[in-house]
N, C-alpha and C. Protein backbone atom coordinates (compact mmCIF):
# COMPACT_ATOMS: atom_id res chain seq x y z
N MET A 1 128.23 135.44 -55.13
CA MET A 1 127.51 135.23 -53.91
C MET A 1 126.05 135.62 -54.04
N LEU A 2 125.76 136.58 -54.87
CA LEU A 2 124.38 136.99 -55.06
C LEU A 2 123.54 135.86 -55.62
N LYS A 3 124.12 135.07 -56.50
CA LYS A 3 123.35 134.00 -57.11
C LYS A 3 122.93 132.97 -56.05
N GLY A 4 123.79 132.66 -55.11
CA GLY A 4 123.46 131.72 -54.04
C GLY A 4 122.35 132.24 -53.15
N GLN A 5 122.36 133.53 -52.87
CA GLN A 5 121.32 134.12 -52.03
C GLN A 5 119.99 134.15 -52.75
N GLU A 6 120.02 134.40 -54.07
CA GLU A 6 118.78 134.44 -54.83
C GLU A 6 118.13 133.06 -54.87
N THR A 7 118.92 132.03 -55.10
CA THR A 7 118.34 130.69 -55.14
C THR A 7 117.83 130.28 -53.76
N SER A 8 118.48 130.74 -52.72
CA SER A 8 118.02 130.45 -51.36
C SER A 8 116.67 131.11 -51.11
N LYS A 9 116.52 132.36 -51.55
CA LYS A 9 115.24 133.06 -51.36
C LYS A 9 114.15 132.39 -52.19
N ASN A 10 114.48 132.01 -53.43
CA ASN A 10 113.50 131.34 -54.28
C ASN A 10 113.06 130.01 -53.68
N MET A 11 114.02 129.29 -53.12
CA MET A 11 113.71 128.01 -52.51
C MET A 11 112.81 128.21 -51.29
N SER A 12 113.07 129.25 -50.51
CA SER A 12 112.24 129.54 -49.34
C SER A 12 110.82 129.88 -49.76
N LYS A 13 110.69 130.66 -50.82
CA LYS A 13 109.36 131.01 -51.31
C LYS A 13 108.60 129.78 -51.79
N MET A 14 109.29 128.92 -52.52
CA MET A 14 108.63 127.70 -53.02
C MET A 14 108.23 126.78 -51.87
N LEU A 15 109.07 126.68 -50.85
CA LEU A 15 108.74 125.85 -49.69
C LEU A 15 107.53 126.43 -48.97
N GLY A 16 107.49 127.75 -48.83
CA GLY A 16 106.35 128.39 -48.19
C GLY A 16 105.07 128.17 -48.97
N LYS A 17 105.14 128.25 -50.29
CA LYS A 17 103.96 128.00 -51.12
C LYS A 17 103.49 126.55 -50.98
N ARG A 18 104.45 125.65 -50.90
CA ARG A 18 104.12 124.23 -50.78
C ARG A 18 103.43 123.95 -49.44
N VAL A 19 103.92 124.55 -48.38
CA VAL A 19 103.32 124.36 -47.06
C VAL A 19 101.91 124.96 -47.03
N LEU A 20 101.75 126.14 -47.60
CA LEU A 20 100.42 126.77 -47.65
C LEU A 20 99.44 125.95 -48.48
N PHE A 21 99.91 125.39 -49.59
CA PHE A 21 99.04 124.56 -50.42
C PHE A 21 98.61 123.31 -49.65
N SER A 22 99.54 122.68 -48.94
CA SER A 22 99.21 121.49 -48.15
C SER A 22 98.20 121.82 -47.06
N LEU A 23 98.40 122.95 -46.41
CA LEU A 23 97.47 123.39 -45.37
C LEU A 23 96.08 123.65 -45.97
N ALA A 24 96.03 124.26 -47.14
CA ALA A 24 94.75 124.53 -47.80
C ALA A 24 94.04 123.23 -48.17
N VAL A 25 94.77 122.24 -48.63
CA VAL A 25 94.15 120.96 -48.99
C VAL A 25 93.59 120.26 -47.76
N VAL A 26 94.34 120.24 -46.68
CA VAL A 26 93.87 119.62 -45.44
C VAL A 26 92.64 120.35 -44.91
N LEU A 27 92.67 121.66 -44.94
CA LEU A 27 91.52 122.46 -44.50
C LEU A 27 90.30 122.20 -45.38
N PHE A 28 90.50 122.11 -46.68
CA PHE A 28 89.41 121.84 -47.61
C PHE A 28 88.78 120.48 -47.33
N ILE A 29 89.61 119.46 -47.13
CA ILE A 29 89.08 118.12 -46.86
C ILE A 29 88.34 118.11 -45.53
N SER A 30 88.88 118.79 -44.52
CA SER A 30 88.22 118.84 -43.21
C SER A 30 86.86 119.53 -43.30
N LEU A 31 86.81 120.65 -43.99
CA LEU A 31 85.55 121.40 -44.10
C LEU A 31 84.50 120.64 -44.89
N THR A 32 84.91 120.04 -46.00
CA THR A 32 83.94 119.28 -46.79
C THR A 32 83.44 118.06 -46.04
N SER A 33 84.27 117.49 -45.21
CA SER A 33 83.84 116.37 -44.38
C SER A 33 82.86 116.84 -43.30
N GLN A 34 83.13 118.00 -42.70
CA GLN A 34 82.25 118.54 -41.66
C GLN A 34 80.88 118.90 -42.23
N PHE A 35 80.83 119.44 -43.45
CA PHE A 35 79.57 119.83 -44.06
C PHE A 35 78.85 118.66 -44.73
N GLY A 36 79.46 117.50 -44.73
CA GLY A 36 78.81 116.32 -45.27
C GLY A 36 78.92 116.18 -46.78
N LEU A 37 79.79 116.94 -47.40
CA LEU A 37 79.94 116.83 -48.85
C LEU A 37 80.71 115.57 -49.24
N ILE A 38 81.60 115.14 -48.38
CA ILE A 38 82.29 113.87 -48.58
C ILE A 38 82.12 113.05 -47.32
N LYS A 39 82.08 111.75 -47.48
CA LYS A 39 81.93 110.87 -46.34
C LYS A 39 83.16 109.97 -46.23
N PRO A 40 83.87 110.06 -45.13
CA PRO A 40 85.05 109.20 -44.96
C PRO A 40 84.63 107.75 -44.74
N ASN A 41 85.51 106.83 -45.05
CA ASN A 41 85.24 105.41 -44.81
C ASN A 41 85.20 105.16 -43.31
N ARG A 42 84.25 104.37 -42.91
CA ARG A 42 84.12 104.03 -41.49
C ARG A 42 84.70 102.65 -41.25
N PHE A 43 85.28 102.45 -40.09
CA PHE A 43 85.84 101.16 -39.71
C PHE A 43 84.75 100.33 -39.08
N ASP A 44 84.49 99.16 -39.65
CA ASP A 44 83.46 98.26 -39.12
C ASP A 44 84.13 96.98 -38.65
N PRO A 45 84.27 96.79 -37.34
CA PRO A 45 84.99 95.61 -36.85
C PRO A 45 84.28 94.29 -37.17
N SER A 46 82.99 94.32 -37.50
CA SER A 46 82.28 93.08 -37.80
C SER A 46 82.68 92.50 -39.16
N THR A 47 83.36 93.29 -39.98
CA THR A 47 83.74 92.80 -41.30
C THR A 47 85.16 92.25 -41.34
N ILE A 48 85.81 92.18 -40.19
CA ILE A 48 87.18 91.66 -40.14
C ILE A 48 87.15 90.15 -40.38
N ARG A 49 87.96 89.71 -41.28
CA ARG A 49 88.07 88.29 -41.58
C ARG A 49 89.40 87.78 -41.05
N THR A 50 89.35 86.59 -40.49
CA THR A 50 90.61 85.99 -40.04
C THR A 50 90.98 84.91 -41.03
N GLN A 51 92.25 84.78 -41.28
CA GLN A 51 92.74 83.81 -42.24
C GLN A 51 93.59 82.79 -41.52
N THR A 52 93.27 81.54 -41.74
CA THR A 52 94.07 80.48 -41.14
C THR A 52 94.85 79.80 -42.26
N GLN A 53 96.07 79.48 -41.98
CA GLN A 53 96.94 78.86 -42.98
C GLN A 53 97.17 77.41 -42.60
N THR A 54 96.95 76.55 -43.55
CA THR A 54 97.22 75.13 -43.33
C THR A 54 98.51 74.77 -44.04
N SER A 55 99.22 73.87 -43.46
CA SER A 55 100.49 73.47 -44.05
C SER A 55 100.23 72.53 -45.22
N THR A 56 100.73 72.89 -46.37
CA THR A 56 100.54 72.06 -47.55
C THR A 56 101.84 71.40 -47.99
N THR A 57 102.88 71.58 -47.22
CA THR A 57 104.16 70.99 -47.59
C THR A 57 104.46 69.80 -46.69
N LYS A 58 105.23 68.89 -47.22
CA LYS A 58 105.65 67.73 -46.44
C LYS A 58 106.92 68.09 -45.69
N PRO A 59 107.02 67.69 -44.43
CA PRO A 59 108.26 67.99 -43.70
C PRO A 59 109.42 67.19 -44.30
N HIS A 60 110.56 67.79 -44.34
CA HIS A 60 111.75 67.13 -44.85
C HIS A 60 112.88 67.32 -43.85
N PRO A 61 113.79 66.37 -43.82
CA PRO A 61 114.89 66.49 -42.86
C PRO A 61 115.80 67.67 -43.22
N GLN A 62 116.17 68.38 -42.22
CA GLN A 62 117.05 69.52 -42.42
C GLN A 62 118.37 69.27 -41.72
N SER A 63 119.41 69.78 -42.32
CA SER A 63 120.74 69.61 -41.74
C SER A 63 121.47 70.94 -41.80
N ALA A 64 122.22 71.23 -40.75
CA ALA A 64 123.01 72.45 -40.73
C ALA A 64 124.40 72.21 -41.30
N ASN A 65 124.63 71.00 -41.78
CA ASN A 65 125.93 70.65 -42.33
C ASN A 65 126.09 71.33 -43.69
N THR A 66 127.15 72.11 -43.85
CA THR A 66 127.36 72.81 -45.12
C THR A 66 128.36 72.09 -46.02
N LYS A 67 128.96 71.01 -45.52
CA LYS A 67 129.91 70.26 -46.34
C LYS A 67 129.13 69.42 -47.35
N ARG A 68 129.71 69.33 -48.51
CA ARG A 68 129.09 68.53 -49.56
C ARG A 68 129.23 67.06 -49.22
N GLN A 69 128.15 66.34 -49.37
CA GLN A 69 128.18 64.90 -49.11
C GLN A 69 128.81 64.19 -50.31
N PRO A 70 129.63 63.15 -50.05
CA PRO A 70 130.22 62.43 -51.17
C PRO A 70 129.14 61.67 -51.93
N GLU A 71 129.32 61.64 -53.25
CA GLU A 71 128.34 60.96 -54.07
C GLU A 71 128.56 59.44 -53.95
N MET A 72 127.48 58.73 -53.95
CA MET A 72 127.54 57.27 -53.85
C MET A 72 127.53 56.71 -55.26
N GLN A 73 128.40 55.74 -55.52
CA GLN A 73 128.43 55.08 -56.82
C GLN A 73 127.91 53.66 -56.65
N SER A 74 127.12 53.29 -57.61
CA SER A 74 126.64 51.91 -57.54
C SER A 74 127.57 51.01 -58.34
N VAL A 75 127.87 49.84 -57.81
CA VAL A 75 128.78 48.90 -58.45
C VAL A 75 127.92 47.79 -59.05
N ASP A 76 128.09 47.58 -60.35
CA ASP A 76 127.32 46.51 -61.01
C ASP A 76 128.18 45.33 -61.35
């Protein structure tokens, strides 16, 4: 039973370190952005491009019939 408790404590410590590291990274990015050391990308709505799609395929007849059609034989 001791082994299970030890791994549980180790896992808790590692999770805590991971959360603290993530918090430190977010804080670092926020501070460097506030001090102007990094500049985030800005959203510019004037650069939005719209794409129109034209149909390049020919329409073909569609059927919901799943039965195989009999093959036609030509008689010579």
